[in-house]
Amino acid sequence: MHDLVDEIGGSRFLLVTIPAFGHALPLLGLANRLAQRGHRVLFATSSFFVPQIRSYCSSNLVRFVPLDDGVNSEVLLTRDR
Protein backbone atom coordinates (compact mmCIF):
# COMPACT_ATOMS: atom_id res chain seq x y z
CA MET A 1 0.00 0.00 0.00
CA HIS A 2 2.87 2.37 0.73
CA ASP A 3 3.91 2.31 -2.97
CA LEU A 4 0.56 3.87 -3.93
CA VAL A 5 0.90 6.82 -1.59
CA ASP A 6 3.08 9.75 -2.50
CA GLU A 7 5.54 11.39 -0.14
CA ILE A 8 3.23 14.42 -0.01
CA GLY A 9 0.39 12.25 1.23
CA GLY A 10 -1.65 11.96 -1.95
CA SER A 11 -2.27 9.15 -4.37
CA ARG A 12 -1.21 8.93 -7.99
CA PHE A 13 -3.71 8.85 -10.85
CA LEU A 14 -3.35 8.16 -14.56
CA LEU A 15 -6.04 9.66 -16.80
CA VAL A 16 -6.04 8.71 -20.49
CA THR A 17 -8.31 10.07 -23.21
CA ILE A 18 -8.69 10.34 -26.95
CA PRO A 19 -7.88 13.76 -28.49
CA ALA A 20 -11.36 15.28 -28.36
CA PHE A 21 -12.51 18.20 -26.20
CA GLY A 22 -15.71 16.42 -25.19
CA HIS A 23 -13.64 13.63 -23.68
CA ALA A 24 -10.70 15.64 -22.37
CA LEU A 25 -12.44 18.56 -20.64
CA PRO A 26 -14.38 16.45 -18.10
CA LEU A 27 -11.18 14.56 -17.27
CA LEU A 28 -9.27 17.84 -16.91
CA GLY A 29 -11.89 18.94 -14.39
CA LEU A 30 -11.30 15.70 -12.51
CA ALA A 31 -7.52 16.18 -12.75
CA ASN A 32 -7.81 19.70 -11.32
CA ARG A 33 -10.03 18.48 -8.48
CA LEU A 34 -7.65 15.63 -7.62
CA ALA A 35 -4.70 18.04 -7.63
CA GLN A 36 -6.58 20.41 -5.31
CA ARG A 37 -6.80 17.49 -2.87
CA GLY A 38 -3.03 16.93 -3.07
CA HIS A 39 -2.93 14.02 -5.51
CA ARG A 40 -0.54 13.74 -8.44
CA VAL A 41 -2.07 13.18 -11.86
CA LEU A 42 -0.58 12.01 -15.14
CA PHE A 43 -2.79 13.04 -18.05
CA ALA A 44 -2.06 11.06 -21.20
CA THR A 45 -3.39 11.96 -24.64
CA SER A 46 -2.22 12.56 -28.20
CA SER A 47 1.02 14.55 -28.47
CA PHE A 48 -0.76 16.82 -30.96
CA PHE A 49 -3.57 17.53 -28.48
CA VAL A 50 -1.50 18.27 -25.34
CA PRO A 51 -0.65 21.90 -26.30
CA GLN A 52 -4.32 22.62 -26.95
CA ILE A 53 -5.49 21.50 -23.51
CA ARG A 54 -2.54 22.32 -21.25
CA SER A 55 -3.96 25.76 -20.40
CA TYR A 56 -7.10 24.15 -18.90
CA CYS A 57 -5.03 22.86 -16.00
CA SER A 58 -3.46 25.20 -13.46
CA SER A 59 -1.82 22.79 -10.99
CA ASN A 60 1.81 21.72 -11.02
CA LEU A 61 0.60 18.36 -9.65
CA VAL A 62 -0.85 17.54 -13.09
CA ARG A 63 1.69 16.43 -15.68
CA PHE A 64 0.85 15.83 -19.31
CA VAL A 65 2.13 12.73 -21.05
CA PRO A 66 2.11 13.10 -24.85
CA LEU A 67 1.40 9.85 -26.68
CA ASP A 68 2.67 9.31 -30.21
CA ASP A 69 -0.50 8.08 -31.88
CA GLY A 70 0.09 9.27 -35.44
CA VAL A 71 -2.11 12.36 -35.12
CA ASN A 72 -0.28 15.36 -36.56
CA SER A 73 -0.88 18.96 -37.55
CA GLU A 74 -2.66 17.88 -40.75
CA VAL A 75 -5.54 16.55 -38.68
CA LEU A 76 -7.98 19.30 -37.79
CA LEU A 77 -9.50 18.98 -34.35
CA THR A 78 -12.65 20.89 -33.60
CA ARG A 79 -14.38 21.55 -30.32
CA ASP A 80 -17.35 19.30 -29.69
CA ARG A 81 -20.62 21.07 -30.33
PDB file of N, CA and C in Angstrom:
ATOM      1  N   MET A   1       0.820  -1.192   0.000  1.00  0.00           N
ATOM      2  CA  MET A   1       0.000   0.000   0.000  1.00  0.00           C
ATOM      3  C   MET A   1       0.862   1.254   0.000  1.00  0.00           C
ATOM      4  N   HIS A   2       2.008   1.202   0.649  1.00  0.00           N
ATOM      5  CA  HIS A   2       2.874   2.374   0.728  1.00  0.00           C
ATOM      6  C   HIS A   2       3.314   2.854  -0.653  1.00  0.00           C
ATOM      7  N   ASP A   3       3.483   1.932  -1.619  1.00  0.00           N
ATOM      8  CA  ASP A   3       3.905   2.313  -2.966  1.00  0.00           C
ATOM      9  C   ASP A   3       2.877   3.182  -3.673  1.00  0.00           C
ATOM     10  N   LEU A   4       1.618   3.104  -3.283  1.00  0.00           N
ATOM     11  CA  LEU A   4       0.562   3.869  -3.932  1.00  0.00           C
ATOM     12  C   LEU A   4       0.417   5.274  -3.369  1.00  0.00           C
ATOM     13  N   VAL A   5       1.047   5.530  -2.245  1.00  0.00           N
ATOM     14  CA  VAL A   5       0.903   6.824  -1.592  1.00  0.00           C
ATOM     15  C   VAL A   5       2.162   7.636  -1.803  1.00  0.00           C
ATOM     16  N   ASP A   6       1.992   8.850  -2.236  1.00  0.00           N
ATOM     17  CA  ASP A   6       3.084   9.754  -2.504  1.00  0.00           C
ATOM     18  C   ASP A   6       3.683  10.288  -1.221  1.00  0.00           C
ATOM     19  N   GLU A   7       4.907  10.809  -1.315  1.00  0.00           N
ATOM     20  CA  GLU A   7       5.541  11.385  -0.141  1.00  0.00           C
ATOM     21  C   GLU A   7       4.805  12.628   0.367  1.00  0.00           C
ATOM     22  N   ILE A   8       3.994  13.260  -0.471  1.00  0.00           N
ATOM     23  CA  ILE A   8       3.227  14.421  -0.012  1.00  0.00           C
ATOM     24  C   ILE A   8       1.872  14.013   0.539  1.00  0.00           C
ATOM     25  N   GLY A   9       1.620  12.725   0.602  1.00  0.00           N
ATOM     26  CA  GLY A   9       0.394  12.248   1.226  1.00  0.00           C
ATOM     27  C   GLY A   9      -0.729  11.922   0.271  1.00  0.00           C
ATOM     28  N   GLY A  10      -0.594  12.231  -0.987  1.00  0.00           N
ATOM     29  CA  GLY A  10      -1.653  11.962  -1.953  1.00  0.00           C
ATOM     30  C   GLY A  10      -1.400  10.702  -2.746  1.00  0.00           C
ATOM     31  N   SER A  11      -2.390  10.297  -3.480  1.00  0.00           N
ATOM     32  CA  SER A  11      -2.275   9.148  -4.370  1.00  0.00           C
ATOM     33  C   SER A  11      -1.827   9.605  -5.748  1.00  0.00           C
ATOM     34  N   ARG A  12      -1.590   8.655  -6.608  1.00  0.00           N
ATOM     35  CA  ARG A  12      -1.213   8.935  -7.991  1.00  0.00           C
ATOM     36  C   ARG A  12      -2.323   8.414  -8.900  1.00  0.00           C
ATOM     37  N   PHE A  13      -2.668   9.221  -9.911  1.00  0.00           N
ATOM     38  CA  PHE A  13      -3.714   8.849 -10.850  1.00  0.00           C
ATOM     39  C   PHE A  13      -3.198   8.979 -12.268  1.00  0.00           C
ATOM     40  N   LEU A  14      -3.636   8.087 -13.140  1.00  0.00           N
ATOM     41  CA  LEU A  14      -3.352   8.156 -14.562  1.00  0.00           C
ATOM     42  C   LEU A  14      -4.685   8.311 -15.282  1.00  0.00           C
ATOM     43  N   LEU A  15      -4.837   9.413 -16.008  1.00  0.00           N
ATOM     44  CA  LEU A  15      -6.042   9.664 -16.801  1.00  0.00           C
ATOM     45  C   LEU A  15      -5.635   9.628 -18.265  1.00  0.00           C
ATOM     46  N   VAL A  16      -6.363   8.875 -19.075  1.00  0.00           N
ATOM     47  CA  VAL A  16      -6.041   8.706 -20.493  1.00  0.00           C
ATOM     48  C   VAL A  16      -7.302   8.986 -21.296  1.00  0.00           C
ATOM     49  N   THR A  17      -7.157   9.763 -22.379  1.00  0.00           N
ATOM     50  CA  THR A  17      -8.310  10.070 -23.211  1.00  0.00           C
ATOM     51  C   THR A  17      -7.908  10.218 -24.676  1.00  0.00           C
ATOM     52  N   ILE A  18      -8.906  10.083 -25.534  1.00  0.00           N
ATOM     53  CA  ILE A  18      -8.692  10.341 -26.947  1.00  0.00           C
ATOM     54  C   ILE A  18      -8.613  11.855 -27.153  1.00  0.00           C
ATOM     55  N   PRO A  19      -8.035  12.318 -28.271  1.00  0.00           N
ATOM     56  CA  PRO A  19      -7.884  13.760 -28.486  1.00  0.00           C
ATOM     57  C   PRO A  19      -9.174  14.417 -28.976  1.00  0.00           C
ATOM     58  N   ALA A  20     -10.099  14.610 -28.052  1.00  0.00           N
ATOM     59  CA  ALA A  20     -11.363  15.285 -28.361  1.00  0.00           C
ATOM     60  C   ALA A  20     -11.772  16.083 -27.127  1.00  0.00           C
ATOM     61  N   PHE A  21     -12.165  17.336 -27.328  1.00  0.00           N
ATOM     62  CA  PHE A  21     -12.510  18.201 -26.198  1.00  0.00           C
ATOM     63  C   PHE A  21     -13.624  17.618 -25.338  1.00  0.00           C
ATOM     64  N   GLY A  22     -14.609  16.987 -25.941  1.00  0.00           N
ATOM     65  CA  GLY A  22     -15.712  16.424 -25.193  1.00  0.00           C
ATOM     66  C   GLY A  22     -15.302  15.297 -24.255  1.00  0.00           C
ATOM     67  N   HIS A  23     -14.177  14.672 -24.541  1.00  0.00           N
ATOM     68  CA  HIS A  23     -13.642  13.628 -23.684  1.00  0.00           C
ATOM     69  C   HIS A  23     -12.619  14.195 -22.705  1.00  0.00           C
ATOM     70  N   ALA A  24     -11.804  15.116 -23.180  1.00  0.00           N
ATOM     71  CA  ALA A  24     -10.701  15.640 -22.366  1.00  0.00           C
ATOM     72  C   ALA A  24     -11.148  16.628 -21.288  1.00  0.00           C
ATOM     73  N   LEU A  25     -12.072  17.516 -21.608  1.00  0.00           N
ATOM     74  CA  LEU A  25     -12.438  18.557 -20.639  1.00  0.00           C
ATOM     75  C   LEU A  25     -13.019  17.999 -19.337  1.00  0.00           C
ATOM     76  N   PRO A  26     -13.914  17.014 -19.377  1.00  0.00           N
ATOM     77  CA  PRO A  26     -14.377  16.453 -18.100  1.00  0.00           C
ATOM     78  C   PRO A  26     -13.239  15.822 -17.289  1.00  0.00           C
ATOM     79  N   LEU A  27     -12.309  15.161 -17.977  1.00  0.00           N
ATOM     80  CA  LEU A  27     -11.177  14.562 -17.266  1.00  0.00           C
ATOM     81  C   LEU A  27     -10.231  15.622 -16.726  1.00  0.00           C
ATOM     82  N   LEU A  28     -10.096  16.749 -17.433  1.00  0.00           N
ATOM     83  CA  LEU A  28      -9.273  17.841 -16.910  1.00  0.00           C
ATOM     84  C   LEU A  28      -9.897  18.426 -15.647  1.00  0.00           C
ATOM     85  N   GLY A  29     -11.217  18.506 -15.612  1.00  0.00           N
ATOM     86  CA  GLY A  29     -11.894  18.938 -14.393  1.00  0.00           C
ATOM     87  C   GLY A  29     -11.592  17.991 -13.240  1.00  0.00           C
ATOM     88  N   LEU A  30     -11.632  16.695 -13.524  1.00  0.00           N
ATOM     89  CA  LEU A  30     -11.297  15.700 -12.514  1.00  0.00           C
ATOM     90  C   LEU A  30      -9.835  15.835 -12.093  1.00  0.00           C
ATOM     91  N   ALA A  31      -8.944  16.018 -13.061  1.00  0.00           N
ATOM     92  CA  ALA A  31      -7.519  16.184 -12.754  1.00  0.00           C
ATOM     93  C   ALA A  31      -7.293  17.386 -11.841  1.00  0.00           C
ATOM     94  N   ASN A  32      -7.943  18.496 -12.143  1.00  0.00           N
ATOM     95  CA  ASN A  32      -7.808  19.698 -11.318  1.00  0.00           C
ATOM     96  C   ASN A  32      -8.324  19.445  -9.904  1.00  0.00           C
ATOM     97  N   ARG A  33      -9.438  18.760  -9.799  1.00  0.00           N
ATOM     98  CA  ARG A  33     -10.030  18.477  -8.483  1.00  0.00           C
ATOM     99  C   ARG A  33      -9.126  17.552  -7.672  1.00  0.00           C
ATOM    100  N   LEU A  34      -8.572  16.533  -8.311  1.00  0.00           N
ATOM    101  CA  LEU A  34      -7.646  15.630  -7.621  1.00  0.00           C
ATOM    102  C   LEU A  34      -6.403  16.381  -7.148  1.00  0.00           C
ATOM    103  N   ALA A  35      -5.877  17.258  -7.997  1.00  0.00           N
ATOM    104  CA  ALA A  35      -4.697  18.043  -7.630  1.00  0.00           C
ATOM    105  C   ALA A  35      -4.999  18.976  -6.457  1.00  0.00           C
ATOM    106  N   GLN A  36      -6.197  19.554  -6.427  1.00  0.00           N
ATOM    107  CA  GLN A  36      -6.583  20.408  -5.305  1.00  0.00           C
ATOM    108  C   GLN A  36      -6.571  19.637  -3.989  1.00  0.00           C
ATOM    109  N   ARG A  37      -6.788  18.346  -4.077  1.00  0.00           N
ATOM    110  CA  ARG A  37      -6.798  17.495  -2.873  1.00  0.00           C
ATOM    111  C   ARG A  37      -5.415  16.914  -2.577  1.00  0.00           C
ATOM    112  N   GLY A  38      -4.402  17.350  -3.332  1.00  0.00           N
ATOM    113  CA  GLY A  38      -3.028  16.928  -3.066  1.00  0.00           C
ATOM    114  C   GLY A  38      -2.565  15.685  -3.779  1.00  0.00           C
ATOM    115  N   HIS A  39      -3.319  15.212  -4.760  1.00  0.00           N
ATOM    116  CA  HIS A  39      -2.932  14.017  -5.515  1.00  0.00           C
ATOM    117  C   HIS A  39      -2.146  14.416  -6.757  1.00  0.00           C
ATOM    118  N   ARG A  40      -1.271  13.539  -7.196  1.00  0.00           N
ATOM    119  CA  ARG A  40      -0.535  13.743  -8.444  1.00  0.00           C
ATOM    120  C   ARG A  40      -1.282  13.051  -9.574  1.00  0.00           C
ATOM    121  N   VAL A  41      -1.322  13.706 -10.729  1.00  0.00           N
ATOM    122  CA  VAL A  41      -2.072  13.181 -11.864  1.00  0.00           C
ATOM    123  C   VAL A  41      -1.193  13.193 -13.110  1.00  0.00           C
ATOM    124  N   LEU A  42      -1.153  12.078 -13.811  1.00  0.00           N
ATOM    125  CA  LEU A  42      -0.577  12.013 -15.144  1.00  0.00           C
ATOM    126  C   LEU A  42      -1.743  12.003 -16.111  1.00  0.00           C
ATOM    127  N   PHE A  43      -1.714  12.911 -17.068  1.00  0.00           N
ATOM    128  CA  PHE A  43      -2.795  13.036 -18.047  1.00  0.00           C
ATOM    129  C   PHE A  43      -2.220  12.694 -19.410  1.00  0.00           C
ATOM    130  N   ALA A  44      -2.608  11.549 -19.945  1.00  0.00           N
ATOM    131  CA  ALA A  44      -2.057  11.062 -21.201  1.00  0.00           C
ATOM    132  C   ALA A  44      -3.060  11.228 -22.333  1.00  0.00           C
ATOM    133  N   THR A  45      -2.590  11.822 -23.428  1.00  0.00           N
ATOM    134  CA  THR A  45      -3.394  11.961 -24.637  1.00  0.00           C
ATOM    135  C   THR A  45      -2.452  12.194 -25.816  1.00  0.00           C
ATOM    136  N   SER A  46      -2.998  12.373 -26.983  1.00  0.00           N
ATOM    137  CA  SER A  46      -2.218  12.561 -28.202  1.00  0.00           C
ATOM    138  C   SER A  46      -1.213  13.705 -28.053  1.00  0.00           C
ATOM    139  N   SER A  47      -0.007  13.498 -28.548  1.00  0.00           N
ATOM    140  CA  SER A  47       1.024  14.545 -28.473  1.00  0.00           C
ATOM    141  C   SER A  47       0.580  15.809 -29.212  1.00  0.00           C
ATOM    142  N   PHE A  48      -0.250  15.658 -30.221  1.00  0.00           N
ATOM    143  CA  PHE A  48      -0.761  16.817 -30.959  1.00  0.00           C
ATOM    144  C   PHE A  48      -1.775  17.605 -30.125  1.00  0.00           C
ATOM    145  N   PHE A  49      -2.481  16.925 -29.243  1.00  0.00           N
ATOM    146  CA  PHE A  49      -3.567  17.529 -28.478  1.00  0.00           C
ATOM    147  C   PHE A  49      -3.105  18.193 -27.178  1.00  0.00           C
ATOM    148  N   VAL A  50      -1.982  17.740 -26.622  1.00  0.00           N
ATOM    149  CA  VAL A  50      -1.500  18.269 -25.339  1.00  0.00           C
ATOM    150  C   VAL A  50      -1.378  19.795 -25.336  1.00  0.00           C
ATOM    151  N   PRO A  51      -0.754  20.433 -26.343  1.00  0.00           N
ATOM    152  CA  PRO A  51      -0.646  21.899 -26.300  1.00  0.00           C
ATOM    153  C   PRO A  51      -2.000  22.615 -26.301  1.00  0.00           C
ATOM    154  N   GLN A  52      -2.998  21.999 -26.878  1.00  0.00           N
ATOM    155  CA  GLN A  52      -4.319  22.625 -26.952  1.00  0.00           C
ATOM    156  C   GLN A  52      -5.070  22.583 -25.628  1.00  0.00           C
ATOM    157  N   ILE A  53      -4.737  21.634 -24.765  1.00  0.00           N
ATOM    158  CA  ILE A  53      -5.493  21.495 -23.509  1.00  0.00           C
ATOM    159  C   ILE A  53      -4.694  21.860 -22.268  1.00  0.00           C
ATOM    160  N   ARG A  54      -3.397  22.044 -22.407  1.00  0.00           N
ATOM    161  CA  ARG A  54      -2.536  22.315 -21.250  1.00  0.00           C
ATOM    162  C   ARG A  54      -3.023  23.519 -20.436  1.00  0.00           C
ATOM    163  N   SER A  55      -3.540  24.539 -21.095  1.00  0.00           N
ATOM    164  CA  SER A  55      -3.965  25.755 -20.401  1.00  0.00           C
ATOM    165  C   SER A  55      -5.214  25.544 -19.532  1.00  0.00           C
ATOM    166  N   TYR A  56      -5.909  24.436 -19.706  1.00  0.00           N
ATOM    167  CA  TYR A  56      -7.098  24.151 -18.898  1.00  0.00           C
ATOM    168  C   TYR A  56      -6.739  23.622 -17.511  1.00  0.00           C
ATOM    169  N   CYS A  57      -5.466  23.404 -17.273  1.00  0.00           N
ATOM    170  CA  CYS A  57      -5.027  22.858 -15.999  1.00  0.00           C
ATOM    171  C   CYS A  57      -4.028  23.810 -15.355  1.00  0.00           C
ATOM    172  N   SER A  58      -4.283  24.188 -14.113  1.00  0.00           N
ATOM    173  CA  SER A  58      -3.461  25.199 -13.459  1.00  0.00           C
ATOM    174  C   SER A  58      -2.546  24.642 -12.370  1.00  0.00           C
ATOM    175  N   SER A  59      -2.593  23.356 -12.094  1.00  0.00           N
ATOM    176  CA  SER A  59      -1.822  22.790 -10.993  1.00  0.00           C
ATOM    177  C   SER A  59      -0.516  22.181 -11.478  1.00  0.00           C
ATOM    178  N   ASN A  60       0.538  22.363 -10.682  1.00  0.00           N
ATOM    179  CA  ASN A  60       1.807  21.719 -11.018  1.00  0.00           C
ATOM    180  C   ASN A  60       1.808  20.237 -10.610  1.00  0.00           C
ATOM    181  N   LEU A  61       0.730  19.771  -9.987  1.00  0.00           N
ATOM    182  CA  LEU A  61       0.602  18.359  -9.651  1.00  0.00           C
ATOM    183  C   LEU A  61       0.049  17.540 -10.818  1.00  0.00           C
ATOM    184  N   VAL A  62      -0.359  18.228 -11.888  1.00  0.00           N
ATOM    185  CA  VAL A  62      -0.853  17.540 -13.086  1.00  0.00           C
ATOM    186  C   VAL A  62       0.230  17.640 -14.155  1.00  0.00           C
ATOM    187  N   ARG A  63       0.694  16.484 -14.608  1.00  0.00           N
ATOM    188  CA  ARG A  63       1.688  16.426 -15.684  1.00  0.00           C
ATOM    189  C   ARG A  63       1.057  15.799 -16.908  1.00  0.00           C
ATOM    190  N   PHE A  64       1.378  16.358 -18.063  1.00  0.00           N
ATOM    191  CA  PHE A  64       0.846  15.828 -19.314  1.00  0.00           C
ATOM    192  C   PHE A  64       1.842  14.871 -19.933  1.00  0.00           C
ATOM    193  N   VAL A  65       1.322  13.753 -20.405  1.00  0.00           N
ATOM    194  CA  VAL A  65       2.134  12.727 -21.046  1.00  0.00           C
ATOM    195  C   VAL A  65       1.687  12.638 -22.500  1.00  0.00           C
ATOM    196  N   PRO A  66       2.494  13.169 -23.430  1.00  0.00           N
ATOM    197  CA  PRO A  66       2.114  13.100 -24.847  1.00  0.00           C
ATOM    198  C   PRO A  66       2.340  11.696 -25.399  1.00  0.00           C
ATOM    199  N   LEU A  67       1.324  11.170 -26.071  1.00  0.00           N
ATOM    200  CA  LEU A  67       1.403   9.851 -26.682  1.00  0.00           C
ATOM    201  C   LEU A  67       1.546   9.996 -28.195  1.00  0.00           C
ATOM    202  N   ASP A  68       2.494   9.288 -28.764  1.00  0.00           N
ATOM    203  CA  ASP A  68       2.671   9.311 -30.210  1.00  0.00           C
ATOM    204  C   ASP A  68       1.663   8.344 -30.816  1.00  0.00           C
ATOM    205  N   ASP A  69       0.567   8.917 -31.342  1.00  0.00           N
ATOM    206  CA  ASP A  69      -0.503   8.081 -31.885  1.00  0.00           C
ATOM    207  C   ASP A  69      -0.705   8.301 -33.382  1.00  0.00           C
ATOM    208  N   GLY A  70       0.192   9.032 -34.009  1.00  0.00           N
ATOM    209  CA  GLY A  70       0.086   9.270 -35.439  1.00  0.00           C
ATOM    210  C   GLY A  70      -0.717  10.496 -35.816  1.00  0.00           C
ATOM    211  N   VAL A  71      -1.360  11.134 -34.838  1.00  0.00           N
ATOM    212  CA  VAL A  71      -2.108  12.363 -35.124  1.00  0.00           C
ATOM    213  C   VAL A  71      -1.095  13.486 -35.274  1.00  0.00           C
ATOM    214  N   ASN A  72      -1.227  14.270 -36.348  1.00  0.00           N
ATOM    215  CA  ASN A  72      -0.285  15.364 -36.562  1.00  0.00           C
ATOM    216  C   ASN A  72      -1.021  16.638 -36.924  1.00  0.00           C
ATOM    217  N   SER A  73      -0.280  17.651 -37.295  1.00  0.00           N
ATOM    218  CA  SER A  73      -0.881  18.960 -37.553  1.00  0.00           C
ATOM    219  C   SER A  73      -1.798  18.969 -38.772  1.00  0.00           C
ATOM    220  N   GLU A  74      -1.768  17.935 -39.587  1.00  0.00           N
ATOM    221  CA  GLU A  74      -2.657  17.876 -40.748  1.00  0.00           C
ATOM    222  C   GLU A  74      -4.076  17.480 -40.354  1.00  0.00           C
ATOM    223  N   VAL A  75      -4.225  16.944 -39.167  1.00  0.00           N
ATOM    224  CA  VAL A  75      -5.539  16.554 -38.683  1.00  0.00           C
ATOM    225  C   VAL A  75      -6.150  17.751 -37.982  1.00  0.00           C
ATOM    226  N   LEU A  76      -7.314  18.165 -38.404  1.00  0.00           N
ATOM    227  CA  LEU A  76      -7.976  19.298 -37.786  1.00  0.00           C
ATOM    228  C   LEU A  76      -8.883  18.801 -36.667  1.00  0.00           C
ATOM    229  N   LEU A  77      -8.660  19.335 -35.490  1.00  0.00           N
ATOM    230  CA  LEU A  77      -9.499  18.984 -34.350  1.00  0.00           C
ATOM    231  C   LEU A  77     -10.442  20.134 -34.087  1.00  0.00           C
ATOM    232  N   THR A  78     -11.683  19.845 -33.892  1.00  0.00           N
ATOM    233  CA  THR A  78     -12.655  20.885 -33.603  1.00  0.00           C
ATOM    234  C   THR A  78     -13.261  20.630 -32.251  1.00  0.00           C
ATOM    235  N   ARG A  79     -13.717  21.693 -31.621  1.00  0.00           N
ATOM    236  CA  ARG A  79     -14.380  21.550 -30.323  1.00  0.00           C
ATOM    237  C   ARG A  79     -15.719  20.860 -30.555  1.00  0.00           C
ATOM    238  N   ASP A  80     -16.051  19.978 -29.618  1.00  0.00           N
ATOM    239  CA  ASP A  80     -17.350  19.297 -29.693  1.00  0.00           C
ATOM    240  C   ASP A  80     -18.463  20.330 -29.613  1.00  0.00           C
ATOM    241  N   ARG A  81     -19.497  20.121 -30.345  1.00  0.00           N
ATOM    242  CA  ARG A  81     -20.621  21.071 -30.333  1.00  0.00           C
ATOM    243  C   ARG A  81     -21.747  20.534 -29.524  1.00  0.00           C
TER     244      ARG A  81
END
